[in-house]
Amino acid sequence: MTIMPSVFFMRKIRIINLLMNADAYSADTAKRLDEIGLVNPYSFRFLTVDLIKRNVISVTGDGKCYICS
C-alpha cells in the first residue's frame, strides 16, 4: 500500500480550501498561493497544473489563482 497518492490528493484539497477561504472566485479577487498560506506553494507544481487542466482553478497573468465557476 502506497501513501503517496493520498498525500497528493490532500494537497489538492488544501489548495482548493485555501482559495475558497480567501474568497478567490474571480480574477479580481485572485490570490497567489503564498498569500493564502500554502506551505511551500510551488514545490508540487504538477498538482497545481493538474487543477488548472481540470478547470478547477484558473491563473491570472500575474500568477494569482482563483476557483473556476
PDB file of N, CA and C in Angstrom:
ATOM      1  N   MET A   1       0.846  -1.189   0.000  1.00  0.00           N
ATOM      2  CA  MET A   1       0.000   0.000   0.000  1.00  0.00           C
ATOM      3  C   MET A   1       0.881   1.239   0.000  1.00  0.00           C
ATOM      4  N   THR A   2       0.617   2.133  -0.926  1.00  0.00           N
ATOM      5  CA  THR A   2       1.411   3.351  -1.011  1.00  0.00           C
ATOM      6  C   THR A   2       0.634   4.536  -0.444  1.00  0.00           C
ATOM      7  N   ILE A   3       1.344   5.405   0.201  1.00  0.00           N
ATOM      8  CA  ILE A   3       0.708   6.551   0.838  1.00  0.00           C
ATOM      9  C   ILE A   3       0.774   7.802  -0.026  1.00  0.00           C
ATOM     10  N   MET A   4       1.605   7.804  -1.046  1.00  0.00           N
ATOM     11  CA  MET A   4       1.831   8.999  -1.848  1.00  0.00           C
ATOM     12  C   MET A   4       0.588   9.538  -2.557  1.00  0.00           C
ATOM     13  N   PRO A   5      -0.224   8.713  -3.215  1.00  0.00           N
ATOM     14  CA  PRO A   5      -1.385   9.287  -3.896  1.00  0.00           C
ATOM     15  C   PRO A   5      -2.315  10.046  -2.955  1.00  0.00           C
ATOM     16  N   SER A   6      -2.503   9.553  -1.735  1.00  0.00           N
ATOM     17  CA  SER A   6      -3.391  10.255  -0.816  1.00  0.00           C
ATOM     18  C   SER A   6      -2.785  11.584  -0.362  1.00  0.00           C
ATOM     19  N   VAL A   7      -1.469  11.660  -0.269  1.00  0.00           N
ATOM     20  CA  VAL A   7      -0.807  12.914   0.089  1.00  0.00           C
ATOM     21  C   VAL A   7      -1.028  13.936  -1.019  1.00  0.00           C
ATOM     22  N   PHE A   8      -0.921  13.532  -2.268  1.00  0.00           N
ATOM     23  CA  PHE A   8      -1.148  14.432  -3.387  1.00  0.00           C
ATOM     24  C   PHE A   8      -2.605  14.895  -3.420  1.00  0.00           C
ATOM     25  N   PHE A   9      -3.526  13.974  -3.174  1.00  0.00           N
ATOM     26  CA  PHE A   9      -4.943  14.329  -3.146  1.00  0.00           C
ATOM     27  C   PHE A   9      -5.218  15.347  -2.045  1.00  0.00           C
ATOM     28  N   MET A  10      -4.638  15.119  -0.875  1.00  0.00           N
ATOM     29  CA  MET A  10      -4.827  16.044   0.246  1.00  0.00           C
ATOM     30  C   MET A  10      -4.259  17.422  -0.085  1.00  0.00           C
ATOM     31  N   ARG A  11      -3.172  17.463  -0.807  1.00  0.00           N
ATOM     32  CA  ARG A  11      -2.567  18.739  -1.201  1.00  0.00           C
ATOM     33  C   ARG A  11      -3.504  19.503  -2.141  1.00  0.00           C
ATOM     34  N   LYS A  12      -4.118  18.808  -3.082  1.00  0.00           N
ATOM     35  CA  LYS A  12      -5.071  19.460  -3.984  1.00  0.00           C
ATOM     36  C   LYS A  12      -6.257  20.025  -3.207  1.00  0.00           C
ATOM     37  N   ILE A  13      -6.787  19.243  -2.295  1.00  0.00           N
ATOM     38  CA  ILE A  13      -7.909  19.687  -1.470  1.00  0.00           C
ATOM     39  C   ILE A  13      -7.503  20.904  -0.641  1.00  0.00           C
ATOM     40  N   ARG A  14      -6.287  20.901  -0.135  1.00  0.00           N
ATOM     41  CA  ARG A  14      -5.786  22.031   0.655  1.00  0.00           C
ATOM     42  C   ARG A  14      -5.732  23.307  -0.187  1.00  0.00           C
ATOM     43  N   ILE A  15      -5.241  23.202  -1.409  1.00  0.00           N
ATOM     44  CA  ILE A  15      -5.184  24.363  -2.305  1.00  0.00           C
ATOM     45  C   ILE A  15      -6.588  24.911  -2.544  1.00  0.00           C
ATOM     46  N   ILE A  16      -7.528  24.037  -2.842  1.00  0.00           N
ATOM     47  CA  ILE A  16      -8.905  24.455  -3.108  1.00  0.00           C
ATOM     48  C   ILE A  16      -9.514  25.109  -1.877  1.00  0.00           C
ATOM     49  N   ASN A  17      -9.357  24.493  -0.715  1.00  0.00           N
ATOM     50  CA  ASN A  17      -9.930  25.046   0.517  1.00  0.00           C
ATOM     51  C   ASN A  17      -9.344  26.406   0.859  1.00  0.00           C
ATOM     52  N   LEU A  18      -8.040  26.562   0.701  1.00  0.00           N
ATOM     53  CA  LEU A  18      -7.415  27.847   0.998  1.00  0.00           C
ATOM     54  C   LEU A  18      -7.902  28.936   0.049  1.00  0.00           C
ATOM     55  N   LEU A  19      -8.062  28.613  -1.226  1.00  0.00           N
ATOM     56  CA  LEU A  19      -8.590  29.590  -2.178  1.00  0.00           C
ATOM     57  C   LEU A  19     -10.038  29.952  -1.850  1.00  0.00           C
ATOM     58  N   MET A  20     -10.831  28.969  -1.448  1.00  0.00           N
ATOM     59  CA  MET A  20     -12.213  29.240  -1.065  1.00  0.00           C
ATOM     60  C   MET A  20     -12.262  30.127   0.177  1.00  0.00           C
ATOM     61  N   ASN A  21     -11.431  29.836   1.165  1.00  0.00           N
ATOM     62  CA  ASN A  21     -11.401  30.634   2.393  1.00  0.00           C
ATOM     63  C   ASN A  21     -10.939  32.062   2.135  1.00  0.00           C
ATOM     64  N   ALA A  22     -10.138  32.249   1.094  1.00  0.00           N
ATOM     65  CA  ALA A  22      -9.653  33.580   0.731  1.00  0.00           C
ATOM     66  C   ALA A  22     -10.636  34.300  -0.196  1.00  0.00           C
ATOM     67  N   ASP A  23     -11.781  33.671  -0.485  1.00  0.00           N
ATOM     68  CA  ASP A  23     -12.783  34.224  -1.395  1.00  0.00           C
ATOM     69  C   ASP A  23     -12.205  34.550  -2.767  1.00  0.00           C
ATOM     70  N   ALA A  24     -11.347  33.684  -3.252  1.00  0.00           N
ATOM     71  CA  ALA A  24     -10.726  33.864  -4.570  1.00  0.00           C
ATOM     72  C   ALA A  24     -11.571  33.157  -5.619  1.00  0.00           C
ATOM     73  N   TYR A  25     -12.629  33.847  -6.062  1.00  0.00           N
ATOM     74  CA  TYR A  25     -13.569  33.268  -7.014  1.00  0.00           C
ATOM     75  C   TYR A  25     -13.568  33.961  -8.368  1.00  0.00           C
ATOM     76  N   SER A  26     -12.718  34.964  -8.535  1.00  0.00           N
ATOM     77  CA  SER A  26     -12.646  35.658  -9.818  1.00  0.00           C
ATOM     78  C   SER A  26     -11.237  36.210 -10.000  1.00  0.00           C
ATOM     79  N   ALA A  27     -10.956  36.689 -11.191  1.00  0.00           N
ATOM     80  CA  ALA A  27      -9.638  37.261 -11.458  1.00  0.00           C
ATOM     81  C   ALA A  27      -9.391  38.494 -10.591  1.00  0.00           C
ATOM     82  N   ASP A  28     -10.460  39.208 -10.244  1.00  0.00           N
ATOM     83  CA  ASP A  28     -10.321  40.398  -9.399  1.00  0.00           C
ATOM     84  C   ASP A  28      -9.943  40.063  -7.961  1.00  0.00           C
ATOM     85  N   THR A  29     -10.390  38.906  -7.477  1.00  0.00           N
ATOM     86  CA  THR A  29     -10.116  38.521  -6.090  1.00  0.00           C
ATOM     87  C   THR A  29      -9.061  37.415  -5.987  1.00  0.00           C
ATOM     88  N   ALA A  30      -8.401  37.103  -7.101  1.00  0.00           N
ATOM     89  CA  ALA A  30      -7.403  36.028  -7.136  1.00  0.00           C
ATOM     90  C   ALA A  30      -6.249  36.308  -6.179  1.00  0.00           C
ATOM     91  N   LYS A  31      -5.636  35.240  -5.669  1.00  0.00           N
ATOM     92  CA  LYS A  31      -4.524  35.332  -4.723  1.00  0.00           C
ATOM     93  C   LYS A  31      -3.382  34.439  -5.178  1.00  0.00           C
ATOM     94  N   ARG A  32      -2.168  34.836  -4.838  1.00  0.00           N
ATOM     95  CA  ARG A  32      -1.012  33.957  -5.047  1.00  0.00           C
ATOM     96  C   ARG A  32      -1.070  32.857  -3.992  1.00  0.00           C
ATOM     97  N   LEU A  33      -0.520  31.702  -4.313  1.00  0.00           N
ATOM     98  CA  LEU A  33      -0.578  30.574  -3.386  1.00  0.00           C
ATOM     99  C   LEU A  33       0.155  30.870  -2.082  1.00  0.00           C
ATOM    100  N   ASP A  34       1.213  31.658  -2.135  1.00  0.00           N
ATOM    101  CA  ASP A  34       1.901  32.006  -0.886  1.00  0.00           C
ATOM    102  C   ASP A  34       1.097  33.010  -0.065  1.00  0.00           C
ATOM    103  N   GLU A  35       0.240  33.787  -0.697  1.00  0.00           N
ATOM    104  CA  GLU A  35      -0.607  34.744   0.017  1.00  0.00           C
ATOM    105  C   GLU A  35      -1.685  34.064   0.853  1.00  0.00           C
ATOM    106  N   ILE A  36      -2.125  32.902   0.429  1.00  0.00           N
ATOM    107  CA  ILE A  36      -3.212  32.227   1.133  1.00  0.00           C
ATOM    108  C   ILE A  36      -2.719  31.274   2.213  1.00  0.00           C
ATOM    109  N   GLY A  37      -1.413  31.203   2.393  1.00  0.00           N
ATOM    110  CA  GLY A  37      -0.858  30.403   3.476  1.00  0.00           C
ATOM    111  C   GLY A  37      -0.473  28.984   3.117  1.00  0.00           C
ATOM    112  N   LEU A  38      -0.348  28.680   1.856  1.00  0.00           N
ATOM    113  CA  LEU A  38       0.065  27.337   1.450  1.00  0.00           C
ATOM    114  C   LEU A  38       1.559  27.178   1.706  1.00  0.00           C
ATOM    115  N   VAL A  39       1.914  26.181   2.470  1.00  0.00           N
ATOM    116  CA  VAL A  39       3.317  25.917   2.790  1.00  0.00           C
ATOM    117  C   VAL A  39       4.007  25.363   1.549  1.00  0.00           C
ATOM    118  N   ASN A  40       5.168  25.910   1.225  1.00  0.00           N
ATOM    119  CA  ASN A  40       5.909  25.524   0.014  1.00  0.00           C
ATOM    120  C   ASN A  40       4.994  25.519  -1.205  1.00  0.00           C
ATOM    121  N   PRO A  41       4.449  26.668  -1.567  1.00  0.00           N
ATOM    122  CA  PRO A  41       3.403  26.722  -2.595  1.00  0.00           C
ATOM    123  C   PRO A  41       3.808  26.233  -3.977  1.00  0.00           C
ATOM    124  N   TYR A  42       5.072  26.234  -4.290  1.00  0.00           N
ATOM    125  CA  TYR A  42       5.477  25.847  -5.644  1.00  0.00           C
ATOM    126  C   TYR A  42       6.307  24.568  -5.668  1.00  0.00           C
ATOM    127  N   SER A  43       6.273  23.815  -4.575  1.00  0.00           N
ATOM    128  CA  SER A  43       7.073  22.591  -4.524  1.00  0.00           C
ATOM    129  C   SER A  43       6.438  21.436  -5.301  1.00  0.00           C
ATOM    130  N   PHE A  44       5.130  21.414  -5.405  1.00  0.00           N
ATOM    131  CA  PHE A  44       4.433  20.369  -6.161  1.00  0.00           C
ATOM    132  C   PHE A  44       3.679  21.027  -7.306  1.00  0.00           C
ATOM    133  N   ARG A  45       4.416  21.661  -8.201  1.00  0.00           N
ATOM    134  CA  ARG A  45       3.825  22.432  -9.291  1.00  0.00           C
ATOM    135  C   ARG A  45       2.891  21.592 -10.157  1.00  0.00           C
ATOM    136  N   PHE A  46       3.190  20.310 -10.328  1.00  0.00           N
ATOM    137  CA  PHE A  46       2.354  19.452 -11.174  1.00  0.00           C
ATOM    138  C   PHE A  46       0.940  19.310 -10.616  1.00  0.00           C
ATOM    139  N   LEU A  47       0.758  19.458  -9.303  1.00  0.00           N
ATOM    140  CA  LEU A  47      -0.588  19.390  -8.728  1.00  0.00           C
ATOM    141  C   LEU A  47      -1.403  20.617  -9.111  1.00  0.00           C
ATOM    142  N   THR A  48      -0.765  21.766  -9.074  1.00  0.00           N
ATOM    143  CA  THR A  48      -1.432  22.998  -9.477  1.00  0.00           C
ATOM    144  C   THR A  48      -1.771  22.951 -10.967  1.00  0.00           C
ATOM    145  N   VAL A  49      -0.851  22.470 -11.771  1.00  0.00           N
ATOM    146  CA  VAL A  49      -1.089  22.346 -13.213  1.00  0.00           C
ATOM    147  C   VAL A  49      -2.251  21.398 -13.480  1.00  0.00           C
ATOM    148  N   ASP A  50      -2.346  20.318 -12.729  1.00  0.00           N
ATOM    149  CA  ASP A  50      -3.454  19.377 -12.897  1.00  0.00           C
ATOM    150  C   ASP A  50      -4.788  20.044 -12.568  1.00  0.00           C
ATOM    151  N   LEU A  51      -4.831  20.851 -11.512  1.00  0.00           N
ATOM    152  CA  LEU A  51      -6.064  21.566 -11.158  1.00  0.00           C
ATOM    153  C   LEU A  51      -6.450  22.560 -12.249  1.00  0.00           C
ATOM    154  N   ILE A  52      -5.458  23.164 -12.882  1.00  0.00           N
ATOM    155  CA  ILE A  52      -5.716  24.104 -13.973  1.00  0.00           C
ATOM    156  C   ILE A  52      -6.262  23.355 -15.191  1.00  0.00           C
ATOM    157  N   LYS A  53      -5.635  22.235 -15.544  1.00  0.00           N
ATOM    158  CA  LYS A  53      -6.081  21.446 -16.703  1.00  0.00           C
ATOM    159  C   LYS A  53      -7.499  20.927 -16.527  1.00  0.00           C
ATOM    160  N   ARG A  54      -7.871  20.630 -15.287  1.00  0.00           N
ATOM    161  CA  ARG A  54      -9.216  20.118 -15.000  1.00  0.00           C
ATOM    162  C   ARG A  54     -10.235  21.239 -14.791  1.00  0.00           C
ATOM    163  N   ASN A  55      -9.816  22.477 -15.012  1.00  0.00           N
ATOM    164  CA  ASN A  55     -10.677  23.655 -14.851  1.00  0.00           C
ATOM    165  C   ASN A  55     -11.248  23.784 -13.440  1.00  0.00           C
ATOM    166  N   VAL A  56     -10.459  23.398 -12.465  1.00  0.00           N
ATOM    167  CA  VAL A  56     -10.848  23.591 -11.070  1.00  0.00           C
ATOM    168  C   VAL A  56     -10.415  24.983 -10.626  1.00  0.00           C
ATOM    169  N   ILE A  57      -9.200  25.375 -11.015  1.00  0.00           N
ATOM    170  CA  ILE A  57      -8.714  26.718 -10.735  1.00  0.00           C
ATOM    171  C   ILE A  57      -8.202  27.346 -12.030  1.00  0.00           C
ATOM    172  N   SER A  58      -8.115  28.662 -12.011  1.00  0.00           N
ATOM    173  CA  SER A  58      -7.534  29.412 -13.122  1.00  0.00           C
ATOM    174  C   SER A  58      -6.417  30.273 -12.578  1.00  0.00           C
ATOM    175  N   VAL A  59      -5.521  30.670 -13.472  1.00  0.00           N
ATOM    176  CA  VAL A  59      -4.384  31.503 -13.087  1.00  0.00           C
ATOM    177  C   VAL A  59      -4.404  32.770 -13.930  1.00  0.00           C
ATOM    178  N   THR A  60      -4.203  33.894 -13.271  1.00  0.00           N
ATOM    179  CA  THR A  60      -4.150  35.173 -13.979  1.00  0.00           C
ATOM    180  C   THR A  60      -2.763  35.359 -14.578  1.00  0.00           C
ATOM    181  N   GLY A  61      -2.601  36.410 -15.359  1.00  0.00           N
ATOM    182  CA  GLY A  61      -1.322  36.685 -15.997  1.00  0.00           C
ATOM    183  C   GLY A  61      -0.194  36.957 -15.022  1.00  0.00           C
ATOM    184  N   ASP A  62      -0.546  37.434 -13.824  1.00  0.00           N
ATOM    185  CA  ASP A  62       0.495  37.710 -12.827  1.00  0.00           C
ATOM    186  C   ASP A  62       0.671  36.588 -11.821  1.00  0.00           C
ATOM    187  N   GLY A  63       0.124  35.394 -12.122  1.00  0.00           N
ATOM    188  CA  GLY A  63       0.363  34.214 -11.307  1.00  0.00           C
ATOM    189  C   GLY A  63      -0.575  34.011 -10.140  1.00  0.00           C
ATOM    190  N   LYS A  64      -1.641  34.785 -10.074  1.00  0.00           N
ATOM    191  CA  LYS A  64      -2.615  34.617  -8.996  1.00  0.00           C
ATOM    192  C   LYS A  64      -3.645  33.579  -9.412  1.00  0.00           C
ATOM    193  N   CYS A  65      -4.162  32.842  -8.424  1.00  0.00           N
ATOM    194  CA  CYS A  65      -5.099  31.743  -8.682  1.00  0.00           C
ATOM    195  C   CYS A  65      -6.479  32.050  -8.114  1.00  0.00           C
ATOM    196  N   TYR A  66      -7.492  31.457  -8.754  1.00  0.00           N
ATOM    197  CA  TYR A  66      -8.848  31.559  -8.236  1.00  0.00           C
ATOM    198  C   TYR A  66      -9.648  30.329  -8.655  1.00  0.00           C
ATOM    199  N   ILE A  67     -10.727  30.088  -7.940  1.00  0.00           N
ATOM    200  CA  ILE A  67     -11.594  28.945  -8.200  1.00  0.00           C
ATOM    201  C   ILE A  67     -12.433  29.244  -9.436  1.00  0.00           C
ATOM    202  N   CYS A  68     -12.507  28.292 -10.361  1.00  0.00           N
ATOM    203  CA  CYS A  68     -13.350  28.447 -11.554  1.00  0.00           C
ATOM    204  C   CYS A  68     -14.817  28.276 -11.151  1.00  0.00           C
ATOM    205  N   SER A  69     -15.669  29.001 -11.816  1.00  0.00           N
ATOM    206  CA  SER A  69     -17.093  28.871 -11.513  1.00  0.00           C
ATOM    207  C   SER A  69     -17.784  27.923 -12.478  1.00  0.00           C
TER     208      SER A  69
END
